[in-house]
Structures are given as structure tokens and as C-alpha cells.
All heavy atoms as atom14 arrays in JSON, in Angstrom:
{
  "sequence": "GVHGPVREMDVEKWSEHIEKSWPEYTTSLPTQAEFKKHIQENSIV",
  "atom14_mask": [
    [1, 1, 1, 1, 0, 0, 0, 0, 0, 0, 0, 0, 0, 0],
    [1, 1, 1, 1, 1, 1, 1, 0, 0, 0, 0, 0, 0, 0],
    [1, 1, 1, 1, 1, 1, 1, 1, 1, 1, 0, 0, 0, 0],
    [1, 1, 1, 1, 0, 0, 0, 0, 0, 0, 0, 0, 0, 0],
    [1, 1, 1, 1, 1, 1, 1, 0, 0, 0, 0, 0, 0, 0],
    [1, 1, 1, 1, 1, 1, 1, 0, 0, 0, 0, 0, 0, 0],
    [1, 1, 1, 1, 1, 1, 1, 1, 1, 1, 1, 0, 0, 0],
    [1, 1, 1, 1, 1, 1, 1, 1, 1, 0, 0, 0, 0, 0],
    [1, 1, 1, 1, 1, 1, 1, 1, 0, 0, 0, 0, 0, 0],
    [1, 1, 1, 1, 1, 1, 1, 1, 0, 0, 0, 0, 0, 0],
    [1, 1, 1, 1, 1, 1, 1, 0, 0, 0, 0, 0, 0, 0],
    [1, 1, 1, 1, 1, 1, 1, 1, 1, 0, 0, 0, 0, 0],
    [1, 1, 1, 1, 1, 1, 1, 1, 1, 0, 0, 0, 0, 0],
    [1, 1, 1, 1, 1, 1, 1, 1, 1, 1, 1, 1, 1, 1],
    [1, 1, 1, 1, 1, 1, 0, 0, 0, 0, 0, 0, 0, 0],
    [1, 1, 1, 1, 1, 1, 1, 1, 1, 0, 0, 0, 0, 0],
    [1, 1, 1, 1, 1, 1, 1, 1, 1, 1, 0, 0, 0, 0],
    [1, 1, 1, 1, 1, 1, 1, 1, 0, 0, 0, 0, 0, 0],
    [1, 1, 1, 1, 1, 1, 1, 1, 1, 0, 0, 0, 0, 0],
    [1, 1, 1, 1, 1, 1, 1, 1, 1, 0, 0, 0, 0, 0],
    [1, 1, 1, 1, 1, 1, 0, 0, 0, 0, 0, 0, 0, 0],
    [1, 1, 1, 1, 1, 1, 1, 1, 1, 1, 1, 1, 1, 1],
    [1, 1, 1, 1, 1, 1, 1, 0, 0, 0, 0, 0, 0, 0],
    [1, 1, 1, 1, 1, 1, 1, 1, 1, 0, 0, 0, 0, 0],
    [1, 1, 1, 1, 1, 1, 1, 1, 1, 1, 1, 1, 0, 0],
    [1, 1, 1, 1, 1, 1, 1, 0, 0, 0, 0, 0, 0, 0],
    [1, 1, 1, 1, 1, 1, 1, 0, 0, 0, 0, 0, 0, 0],
    [1, 1, 1, 1, 1, 1, 0, 0, 0, 0, 0, 0, 0, 0],
    [1, 1, 1, 1, 1, 1, 1, 1, 0, 0, 0, 0, 0, 0],
    [1, 1, 1, 1, 1, 1, 1, 0, 0, 0, 0, 0, 0, 0],
    [1, 1, 1, 1, 1, 1, 1, 0, 0, 0, 0, 0, 0, 0],
    [1, 1, 1, 1, 1, 1, 1, 1, 1, 0, 0, 0, 0, 0],
    [1, 1, 1, 1, 1, 0, 0, 0, 0, 0, 0, 0, 0, 0],
    [1, 1, 1, 1, 1, 1, 1, 1, 1, 0, 0, 0, 0, 0],
    [1, 1, 1, 1, 1, 1, 1, 1, 1, 1, 1, 0, 0, 0],
    [1, 1, 1, 1, 1, 1, 1, 1, 1, 0, 0, 0, 0, 0],
    [1, 1, 1, 1, 1, 1, 1, 1, 1, 0, 0, 0, 0, 0],
    [1, 1, 1, 1, 1, 1, 1, 1, 1, 1, 0, 0, 0, 0],
    [1, 1, 1, 1, 1, 1, 1, 1, 0, 0, 0, 0, 0, 0],
    [1, 1, 1, 1, 1, 1, 1, 1, 1, 0, 0, 0, 0, 0],
    [1, 1, 1, 1, 1, 1, 1, 1, 1, 0, 0, 0, 0, 0],
    [1, 1, 1, 1, 1, 1, 1, 1, 0, 0, 0, 0, 0, 0],
    [1, 1, 1, 1, 1, 1, 0, 0, 0, 0, 0, 0, 0, 0],
    [1, 1, 1, 1, 1, 1, 1, 1, 0, 0, 0, 0, 0, 0],
    [1, 1, 1, 1, 1, 1, 1, 0, 0, 0, 0, 0, 0, 0]
  ],
  "atom14_positions": [
    [[-108.19, -80.76, 102.45], [-107.74, -82.1, 102.81], [-106.47, -82.07, 103.64], [-105.82, -81.03, 103.77], [0.0, 0.0, 0.0], [0.0, 0.0, 0.0], [0.0, 0.0, 0.0], [0.0, 0.0, 0.0], [0.0, 0.0, 0.0], [0.0, 0.0, 0.0], [0.0, 0.0, 0.0], [0.0, 0.0, 0.0], [0.0, 0.0, 0.0], [0.0, 0.0, 0.0]],
    [[-106.17, -83.2, 104.21], [-104.93, -83.37, 104.98], [-103.84, -83.72, 103.98], [-104.02, -84.52, 103.08], [-105.08, -84.49, 106.05], [-103.77, -84.77, 106.74], [-106.17, -84.11, 107.06], [0.0, 0.0, 0.0], [0.0, 0.0, 0.0], [0.0, 0.0, 0.0], [0.0, 0.0, 0.0], [0.0, 0.0, 0.0], [0.0, 0.0, 0.0], [0.0, 0.0, 0.0]],
    [[-102.7, -83.07, 104.15], [-101.57, -83.27, 103.24], [-100.45, -83.96, 104.01], [-99.81, -83.36, 104.86], [-101.11, -81.92, 102.71], [-100.06, -81.98, 101.68], [-100.29, -82.37, 100.39], [-98.75, -81.71, 101.75], [-99.17, -82.33, 99.72], [-98.22, -81.94, 100.53], [0.0, 0.0, 0.0], [0.0, 0.0, 0.0], [0.0, 0.0, 0.0], [0.0, 0.0, 0.0]],
    [[-100.25, -85.23, 103.75], [-99.19, -85.97, 104.42], [-99.68, -86.65, 105.68], [-100.83, -86.5, 106.09], [0.0, 0.0, 0.0], [0.0, 0.0, 0.0], [0.0, 0.0, 0.0], [0.0, 0.0, 0.0], [0.0, 0.0, 0.0], [0.0, 0.0, 0.0], [0.0, 0.0, 0.0], [0.0, 0.0, 0.0], [0.0, 0.0, 0.0], [0.0, 0.0, 0.0]],
    [[-98.77, -87.37, 106.33], [-99.15, -88.09, 107.57], [-99.32, -87.16, 108.76], [-98.7, -86.09, 108.82], [-97.97, -89.04, 107.79], [-96.81, -88.35, 107.17], [-97.37, -87.59, 105.97], [0.0, 0.0, 0.0], [0.0, 0.0, 0.0], [0.0, 0.0, 0.0], [0.0, 0.0, 0.0], [0.0, 0.0, 0.0], [0.0, 0.0, 0.0], [0.0, 0.0, 0.0]],
    [[-100.16, -87.56, 109.69], [-100.3, -86.84, 110.96], [-99.16, -87.31, 111.85], [-98.91, -88.5, 111.97], [-101.67, -87.15, 111.62], [-101.75, -86.51, 112.99], [-102.81, -86.66, 110.72], [0.0, 0.0, 0.0], [0.0, 0.0, 0.0], [0.0, 0.0, 0.0], [0.0, 0.0, 0.0], [0.0, 0.0, 0.0], [0.0, 0.0, 0.0], [0.0, 0.0, 0.0]],
    [[-98.49, -86.35, 112.44], [-97.36, -86.68, 113.33], [-97.73, -86.3, 114.77], [-98.72, -85.64, 115.01], [-96.1, -85.94, 112.88], [-95.65, -86.43, 111.49], [-94.45, -85.67, 110.98], [-94.87, -84.31, 110.64], [-94.07, -83.24, 110.71], [-92.83, -83.36, 111.14], [-94.52, -82.05, 110.39], [0.0, 0.0, 0.0], [0.0, 0.0, 0.0], [0.0, 0.0, 0.0]],
    [[-96.87, -86.71, 115.69], [-97.13, -86.48, 117.11], [-95.83, -86.02, 117.78], [-94.74, -86.47, 117.41], [-97.6, -87.78, 117.74], [-97.98, -87.71, 119.18], [-98.43, -89.06, 119.72], [-99.06, -89.83, 118.98], [-98.13, -89.34, 120.89], [0.0, 0.0, 0.0], [0.0, 0.0, 0.0], [0.0, 0.0, 0.0], [0.0, 0.0, 0.0], [0.0, 0.0, 0.0]],
    [[-95.96, -85.1, 118.73], [-94.8, -84.69, 119.53], [-95.25, -84.35, 120.94], [-96.43, -84.12, 121.19], [-94.06, -83.52, 118.88], [-94.76, -82.18, 118.98], [-93.72, -80.85, 118.31], [-94.54, -79.45, 119.06], [0.0, 0.0, 0.0], [0.0, 0.0, 0.0], [0.0, 0.0, 0.0], [0.0, 0.0, 0.0], [0.0, 0.0, 0.0], [0.0, 0.0, 0.0]],
    [[-94.29, -84.29, 121.83], [-94.53, -83.88, 123.21], [-94.57, -82.35, 123.23], [-93.76, -81.69, 122.56], [-93.38, -84.4, 124.09], [-93.53, -84.07, 125.56], [-94.31, -83.18, 125.92], [-92.84, -84.72, 126.35], [0.0, 0.0, 0.0], [0.0, 0.0, 0.0], [0.0, 0.0, 0.0], [0.0, 0.0, 0.0], [0.0, 0.0, 0.0], [0.0, 0.0, 0.0]],
    [[-95.49, -81.78, 123.96], [-95.64, -80.33, 124.05], [-94.32, -79.65, 124.47], [-94.04, -78.53, 124.06], [-96.8, -79.94, 125.01], [-96.43, -80.22, 126.46], [-97.21, -78.5, 124.82], [0.0, 0.0, 0.0], [0.0, 0.0, 0.0], [0.0, 0.0, 0.0], [0.0, 0.0, 0.0], [0.0, 0.0, 0.0], [0.0, 0.0, 0.0], [0.0, 0.0, 0.0]],
    [[-93.5, -80.34, 125.23], [-92.24, -79.78, 125.72], [-91.18, -79.66, 124.62], [-90.14, -79.04, 124.82], [-91.69, -80.62, 126.87], [-92.59, -80.7, 128.08], [-92.82, -79.36, 128.79], [-92.01, -78.43, 128.63], [-93.82, -79.26, 129.52], [0.0, 0.0, 0.0], [0.0, 0.0, 0.0], [0.0, 0.0, 0.0], [0.0, 0.0, 0.0], [0.0, 0.0, 0.0]],
    [[-91.43, -80.23, 123.46], [-90.46, -80.24, 122.36], [-90.66, -79.1, 121.35], [-90.02, -79.06, 120.31], [-90.51, -81.57, 121.61], [-90.2, -82.78, 122.46], [-88.75, -82.81, 122.85], [-88.46, -84.1, 123.61], [-87.06, -84.19, 123.99], [0.0, 0.0, 0.0], [0.0, 0.0, 0.0], [0.0, 0.0, 0.0], [0.0, 0.0, 0.0], [0.0, 0.0, 0.0]],
    [[-91.58, -78.17, 121.65], [-91.92, -77.09, 120.71], [-90.68, -76.29, 120.27], [-90.44, -76.11, 119.08], [-92.96, -76.17, 121.32], [-93.23, -74.93, 120.54], [-92.89, -73.65, 120.88], [-93.91, -74.82, 119.27], [-93.31, -72.76, 119.92], [-93.94, -73.46, 118.92], [-94.47, -75.73, 118.42], [-94.52, -73.0, 117.76], [-95.08, -75.29, 117.25], [-95.09, -73.94, 116.92]],
    [[-89.91, -75.77, 121.21], [-88.75, -74.94, 120.88], [-87.78, -75.71, 119.98], [-87.28, -75.16, 118.98], [-88.04, -74.46, 122.14], [-88.83, -73.53, 122.82], [0.0, 0.0, 0.0], [0.0, 0.0, 0.0], [0.0, 0.0, 0.0], [0.0, 0.0, 0.0], [0.0, 0.0, 0.0], [0.0, 0.0, 0.0], [0.0, 0.0, 0.0], [0.0, 0.0, 0.0]],
    [[-87.52, -76.93, 120.33], [-86.64, -77.78, 119.54], [-87.22, -77.98, 118.13], [-86.5, -77.93, 117.13], [-86.48, -79.12, 120.26], [-85.58, -80.1, 119.6], [-85.51, -81.4, 120.39], [-85.5, -81.36, 121.64], [-85.5, -82.47, 119.74], [0.0, 0.0, 0.0], [0.0, 0.0, 0.0], [0.0, 0.0, 0.0], [0.0, 0.0, 0.0], [0.0, 0.0, 0.0]],
    [[-88.52, -78.21, 118.08], [-89.19, -78.45, 116.79], [-89.11, -77.24, 115.89], [-88.76, -77.37, 114.7], [-90.66, -78.83, 117.05], [-91.51, -78.84, 115.82], [-91.39, -79.8, 114.84], [-92.49, -77.99, 115.41], [-92.27, -79.54, 113.87], [-92.92, -78.47, 114.2], [0.0, 0.0, 0.0], [0.0, 0.0, 0.0], [0.0, 0.0, 0.0], [0.0, 0.0, 0.0]],
    [[-89.4, -76.04, 116.39], [-89.37, -74.86, 115.5], [-87.96, -74.51, 115.11], [-87.73, -74.01, 114.0], [-90.16, -73.66, 116.07], [-89.6, -73.2, 117.39], [-91.63, -73.98, 116.16], [-90.2, -71.88, 117.87], [0.0, 0.0, 0.0], [0.0, 0.0, 0.0], [0.0, 0.0, 0.0], [0.0, 0.0, 0.0], [0.0, 0.0, 0.0], [0.0, 0.0, 0.0]],
    [[-86.99, -74.73, 115.97], [-85.59, -74.47, 115.61], [-85.17, -75.35, 114.44], [-84.44, -74.92, 113.56], [-84.66, -74.72, 116.81], [-84.54, -73.56, 117.74], [-83.87, -72.33, 117.11], [-82.95, -72.47, 116.28], [-84.3, -71.23, 117.44], [0.0, 0.0, 0.0], [0.0, 0.0, 0.0], [0.0, 0.0, 0.0], [0.0, 0.0, 0.0], [0.0, 0.0, 0.0]],
    [[-85.65, -76.58, 114.45], [-85.31, -77.52, 113.38], [-86.14, -77.31, 112.13], [-85.62, -77.32, 111.02], [-85.51, -78.96, 113.9], [-85.11, -80.02, 112.92], [-85.3, -81.41, 113.51], [-84.99, -82.48, 112.48], [-85.26, -83.82, 112.97], [0.0, 0.0, 0.0], [0.0, 0.0, 0.0], [0.0, 0.0, 0.0], [0.0, 0.0, 0.0], [0.0, 0.0, 0.0]],
    [[-87.44, -77.11, 112.29], [-88.37, -77.04, 111.17], [-88.58, -75.65, 110.59], [-88.8, -75.5, 109.39], [-89.73, -77.6, 111.56], [-89.62, -78.93, 112.0], [0.0, 0.0, 0.0], [0.0, 0.0, 0.0], [0.0, 0.0, 0.0], [0.0, 0.0, 0.0], [0.0, 0.0, 0.0], [0.0, 0.0, 0.0], [0.0, 0.0, 0.0], [0.0, 0.0, 0.0]],
    [[-88.58, -74.64, 111.44], [-88.92, -73.28, 111.02], [-87.92, -72.25, 111.58], [-88.33, -71.24, 112.18], [-90.32, -72.89, 111.5], [-91.38, -73.89, 111.21], [-92.02, -74.73, 112.07], [-91.96, -74.16, 109.92], [-92.92, -75.5, 111.4], [-92.92, -75.18, 110.09], [-91.75, -73.64, 108.63], [-93.67, -75.68, 109.02], [-92.49, -74.15, 107.6], [-93.44, -75.15, 107.79]],
    [[-86.62, -72.41, 111.41], [-85.66, -71.5, 112.06], [-85.85, -70.04, 111.66], [-85.59, -69.15, 112.48], [-84.3, -72.05, 111.6], [-84.57, -72.86, 110.4], [-85.95, -73.41, 110.57], [0.0, 0.0, 0.0], [0.0, 0.0, 0.0], [0.0, 0.0, 0.0], [0.0, 0.0, 0.0], [0.0, 0.0, 0.0], [0.0, 0.0, 0.0], [0.0, 0.0, 0.0]],
    [[-86.33, -69.78, 110.45], [-86.5, -68.4, 110.0], [-87.75, -67.74, 110.61], [-87.95, -66.54, 110.46], [-86.54, -68.31, 108.46], [-87.69, -69.04, 107.83], [-87.49, -70.54, 107.58], [-86.61, -71.17, 108.19], [-88.25, -71.09, 106.78], [0.0, 0.0, 0.0], [0.0, 0.0, 0.0], [0.0, 0.0, 0.0], [0.0, 0.0, 0.0], [0.0, 0.0, 0.0]],
    [[-88.58, -68.53, 111.31], [-89.82, -68.0, 111.9], [-89.83, -68.03, 113.42], [-90.87, -67.77, 114.03], [-91.03, -68.8, 111.39], [-91.26, -68.66, 109.9], [-90.87, -69.65, 109.03], [-91.88, -67.53, 109.38], [-91.08, -69.53, 107.66], [-92.07, -67.38, 108.02], [-91.68, -68.4, 107.17], [-91.88, -68.26, 105.82], [0.0, 0.0, 0.0], [0.0, 0.0, 0.0]],
    [[-88.7, -68.33, 114.04], [-88.71, -68.51, 115.5], [-89.19, -67.26, 116.25], [-89.81, -67.38, 117.3], [-87.32, -68.92, 116.02], [-86.34, -67.98, 115.58], [-86.95, -70.32, 115.56], [0.0, 0.0, 0.0], [0.0, 0.0, 0.0], [0.0, 0.0, 0.0], [0.0, 0.0, 0.0], [0.0, 0.0, 0.0], [0.0, 0.0, 0.0], [0.0, 0.0, 0.0]],
    [[-88.94, -66.09, 115.71], [-89.35, -64.87, 116.41], [-90.83, -64.55, 116.21], [-91.42, -63.78, 116.97], [-88.51, -63.65, 115.99], [-88.62, -63.47, 114.58], [-87.05, -63.84, 116.39], [0.0, 0.0, 0.0], [0.0, 0.0, 0.0], [0.0, 0.0, 0.0], [0.0, 0.0, 0.0], [0.0, 0.0, 0.0], [0.0, 0.0, 0.0], [0.0, 0.0, 0.0]],
    [[-91.47, -65.14, 115.19], [-92.88, -64.85, 114.93], [-93.81, -65.95, 115.43], [-95.03, -65.77, 115.41], [-93.12, -64.61, 113.43], [-92.76, -65.74, 112.68], [0.0, 0.0, 0.0], [0.0, 0.0, 0.0], [0.0, 0.0, 0.0], [0.0, 0.0, 0.0], [0.0, 0.0, 0.0], [0.0, 0.0, 0.0], [0.0, 0.0, 0.0], [0.0, 0.0, 0.0]],
    [[-93.26, -67.06, 115.86], [-94.07, -68.14, 116.42], [-94.08, -68.05, 117.94], [-93.21, -67.38, 118.53], [-93.5, -69.5, 115.97], [-93.64, -69.8, 114.47], [-92.83, -71.03, 114.09], [-95.1, -69.99, 114.11], [0.0, 0.0, 0.0], [0.0, 0.0, 0.0], [0.0, 0.0, 0.0], [0.0, 0.0, 0.0], [0.0, 0.0, 0.0], [0.0, 0.0, 0.0]],
    [[-95.05, -68.7, 118.59], [-95.1, -68.63, 120.06], [-93.83, -69.18, 120.71], [-93.17, -70.08, 120.17], [-96.3, -69.54, 120.41], [-97.09, -69.65, 119.16], [-96.12, -69.51, 118.03], [0.0, 0.0, 0.0], [0.0, 0.0, 0.0], [0.0, 0.0, 0.0], [0.0, 0.0, 0.0], [0.0, 0.0, 0.0], [0.0, 0.0, 0.0], [0.0, 0.0, 0.0]],
    [[-93.52, -68.64, 121.87], [-92.42, -69.18, 122.67], [-92.84, -70.54, 123.23], [-94.03, -70.93, 123.15], [-92.09, -68.25, 123.85], [-93.23, -68.22, 124.73], [-91.72, -66.85, 123.39], [0.0, 0.0, 0.0], [0.0, 0.0, 0.0], [0.0, 0.0, 0.0], [0.0, 0.0, 0.0], [0.0, 0.0, 0.0], [0.0, 0.0, 0.0], [0.0, 0.0, 0.0]],
    [[-91.92, -71.23, 123.84], [-92.24, -72.53, 124.46], [-93.36, -72.37, 125.49], [-94.33, -73.13, 125.5], [-91.0, -73.14, 125.11], [-91.25, -74.46, 125.85], [-91.66, -75.59, 124.92], [-90.99, -75.87, 123.93], [-92.75, -76.26, 125.24], [0.0, 0.0, 0.0], [0.0, 0.0, 0.0], [0.0, 0.0, 0.0], [0.0, 0.0, 0.0], [0.0, 0.0, 0.0]],
    [[-93.26, -71.36, 126.34], [-94.27, -71.14, 127.39], [-95.63, -70.77, 126.77], [-96.67, -71.26, 127.22], [-93.8, -70.04, 128.35], [0.0, 0.0, 0.0], [0.0, 0.0, 0.0], [0.0, 0.0, 0.0], [0.0, 0.0, 0.0], [0.0, 0.0, 0.0], [0.0, 0.0, 0.0], [0.0, 0.0, 0.0], [0.0, 0.0, 0.0], [0.0, 0.0, 0.0]],
    [[-95.62, -69.91, 125.75], [-96.89, -69.52, 125.1], [-97.53, -70.73, 124.42], [-98.74, -70.92, 124.51], [-96.63, -68.43, 124.06], [-96.23, -67.11, 124.66], [-95.67, -66.13, 123.64], [-95.19, -66.56, 122.56], [-95.71, -64.91, 123.92], [0.0, 0.0, 0.0], [0.0, 0.0, 0.0], [0.0, 0.0, 0.0], [0.0, 0.0, 0.0], [0.0, 0.0, 0.0]],
    [[-96.71, -71.52, 123.73], [-97.23, -72.7, 123.04], [-97.86, -73.67, 124.03], [-98.98, -74.14, 123.83], [-96.09, -73.41, 122.27], [-96.54, -74.63, 121.54], [-97.27, -74.56, 120.37], [-96.23, -75.9, 122.03], [-97.68, -75.69, 119.69], [-96.63, -77.04, 121.36], [-97.35, -76.94, 120.19], [0.0, 0.0, 0.0], [0.0, 0.0, 0.0], [0.0, 0.0, 0.0]],
    [[-97.16, -73.93, 125.12], [-97.68, -74.86, 126.15], [-99.0, -74.35, 126.71], [-99.95, -75.13, 126.89], [-96.64, -75.04, 127.26], [-97.0, -76.1, 128.26], [-95.86, -76.33, 129.23], [-96.21, -77.4, 130.23], [-95.1, -77.65, 131.16], [0.0, 0.0, 0.0], [0.0, 0.0, 0.0], [0.0, 0.0, 0.0], [0.0, 0.0, 0.0], [0.0, 0.0, 0.0]],
    [[-99.1, -73.04, 126.95], [-100.33, -72.46, 127.47], [-101.48, -72.63, 126.46], [-102.58, -73.04, 126.83], [-100.12, -70.98, 127.78], [-101.33, -70.28, 128.38], [-100.97, -68.83, 128.73], [-102.09, -68.14, 129.44], [-103.13, -67.62, 128.56], [0.0, 0.0, 0.0], [0.0, 0.0, 0.0], [0.0, 0.0, 0.0], [0.0, 0.0, 0.0], [0.0, 0.0, 0.0]],
    [[-101.23, -72.33, 125.19], [-102.25, -72.49, 124.14], [-102.73, -73.95, 124.08], [-103.94, -74.2, 124.0], [-101.73, -72.08, 122.77], [-101.5, -70.61, 122.6], [-102.47, -69.67, 122.85], [-100.4, -69.94, 122.2], [-101.97, -68.48, 122.61], [-100.73, -68.6, 122.21], [0.0, 0.0, 0.0], [0.0, 0.0, 0.0], [0.0, 0.0, 0.0], [0.0, 0.0, 0.0]],
    [[-101.8, -74.87, 124.08], [-102.15, -76.28, 123.99], [-102.94, -76.73, 125.22], [-103.94, -77.45, 125.11], [-100.9, -77.16, 123.76], [-100.27, -76.84, 122.39], [-101.21, -78.65, 123.9], [-101.17, -77.08, 121.19], [0.0, 0.0, 0.0], [0.0, 0.0, 0.0], [0.0, 0.0, 0.0], [0.0, 0.0, 0.0], [0.0, 0.0, 0.0], [0.0, 0.0, 0.0]],
    [[-102.54, -76.29, 126.41], [-103.27, -76.66, 127.63], [-104.69, -76.09, 127.61], [-105.58, -76.67, 128.21], [-102.51, -76.18, 128.88], [-101.27, -77.0, 129.12], [-100.38, -76.43, 130.23], [-100.44, -75.25, 130.57], [-99.58, -77.3, 130.81], [0.0, 0.0, 0.0], [0.0, 0.0, 0.0], [0.0, 0.0, 0.0], [0.0, 0.0, 0.0], [0.0, 0.0, 0.0]],
    [[-104.89, -74.98, 126.91], [-106.22, -74.37, 126.78], [-107.01, -74.96, 125.61], [-108.07, -74.46, 125.26], [-106.09, -72.86, 126.61], [-105.52, -72.16, 127.82], [-105.18, -70.7, 127.57], [-105.14, -70.26, 126.39], [-104.93, -69.99, 128.55], [0.0, 0.0, 0.0], [0.0, 0.0, 0.0], [0.0, 0.0, 0.0], [0.0, 0.0, 0.0], [0.0, 0.0, 0.0]],
    [[-106.46, -76.0, 124.99], [-107.06, -76.66, 123.81], [-107.19, -75.74, 122.61], [-108.07, -75.92, 121.77], [-108.41, -77.3, 124.15], [-108.25, -78.54, 124.98], [-107.34, -79.34, 124.75], [-109.11, -78.73, 125.96], [0.0, 0.0, 0.0], [0.0, 0.0, 0.0], [0.0, 0.0, 0.0], [0.0, 0.0, 0.0], [0.0, 0.0, 0.0], [0.0, 0.0, 0.0]],
    [[-106.32, -74.73, 122.53], [-106.29, -73.85, 121.37], [-105.49, -74.54, 120.26], [-104.6, -75.35, 120.54], [-105.62, -72.52, 121.71], [-106.37, -71.82, 122.67], [0.0, 0.0, 0.0], [0.0, 0.0, 0.0], [0.0, 0.0, 0.0], [0.0, 0.0, 0.0], [0.0, 0.0, 0.0], [0.0, 0.0, 0.0], [0.0, 0.0, 0.0], [0.0, 0.0, 0.0]],
    [[-105.8, -74.18, 119.03], [-105.06, -74.65, 117.87], [-103.97, -73.62, 117.57], [-104.27, -72.42, 117.54], [-105.96, -74.83, 116.64], [-107.16, -75.72, 116.96], [-105.17, -75.34, 115.43], [-106.82, -77.11, 117.42], [0.0, 0.0, 0.0], [0.0, 0.0, 0.0], [0.0, 0.0, 0.0], [0.0, 0.0, 0.0], [0.0, 0.0, 0.0], [0.0, 0.0, 0.0]],
    [[-102.77, -74.07, 117.38], [-101.67, -73.19, 117.01], [-101.32, -73.47, 115.56], [-101.16, -74.63, 115.17], [-100.43, -73.42, 117.92], [-99.26, -72.57, 117.46], [-100.77, -73.14, 119.37], [0.0, 0.0, 0.0], [0.0, 0.0, 0.0], [0.0, 0.0, 0.0], [0.0, 0.0, 0.0], [0.0, 0.0, 0.0], [0.0, 0.0, 0.0], [0.0, 0.0, 0.0]]
  ]
}
């Protein structure tokens, strides 16, 4: 099931989002450029 509300953000806000939400994982998550590429390819991150 879905846990909590569905939220929305601009693809350009990824770096800002992970710094705020997941600071301890910034090196293991995609970079801003990688994230944007995955999203443009309709991949799920």
C-alpha cells in the first residue's frame, strides 16, 4: 500500500531535496544530472 500522501516536486529540486531529506545518503543516491536523466527516460528512482 501507499504510506502517506503523494507529494510533488520539480525535477530540478532533487539535490536540494536529498540534502534536506536524506543527507546521510547523498553519496549513494543519483546526482542531480543522473536523476534528471532517469526521470526524462521515465525510469523510477
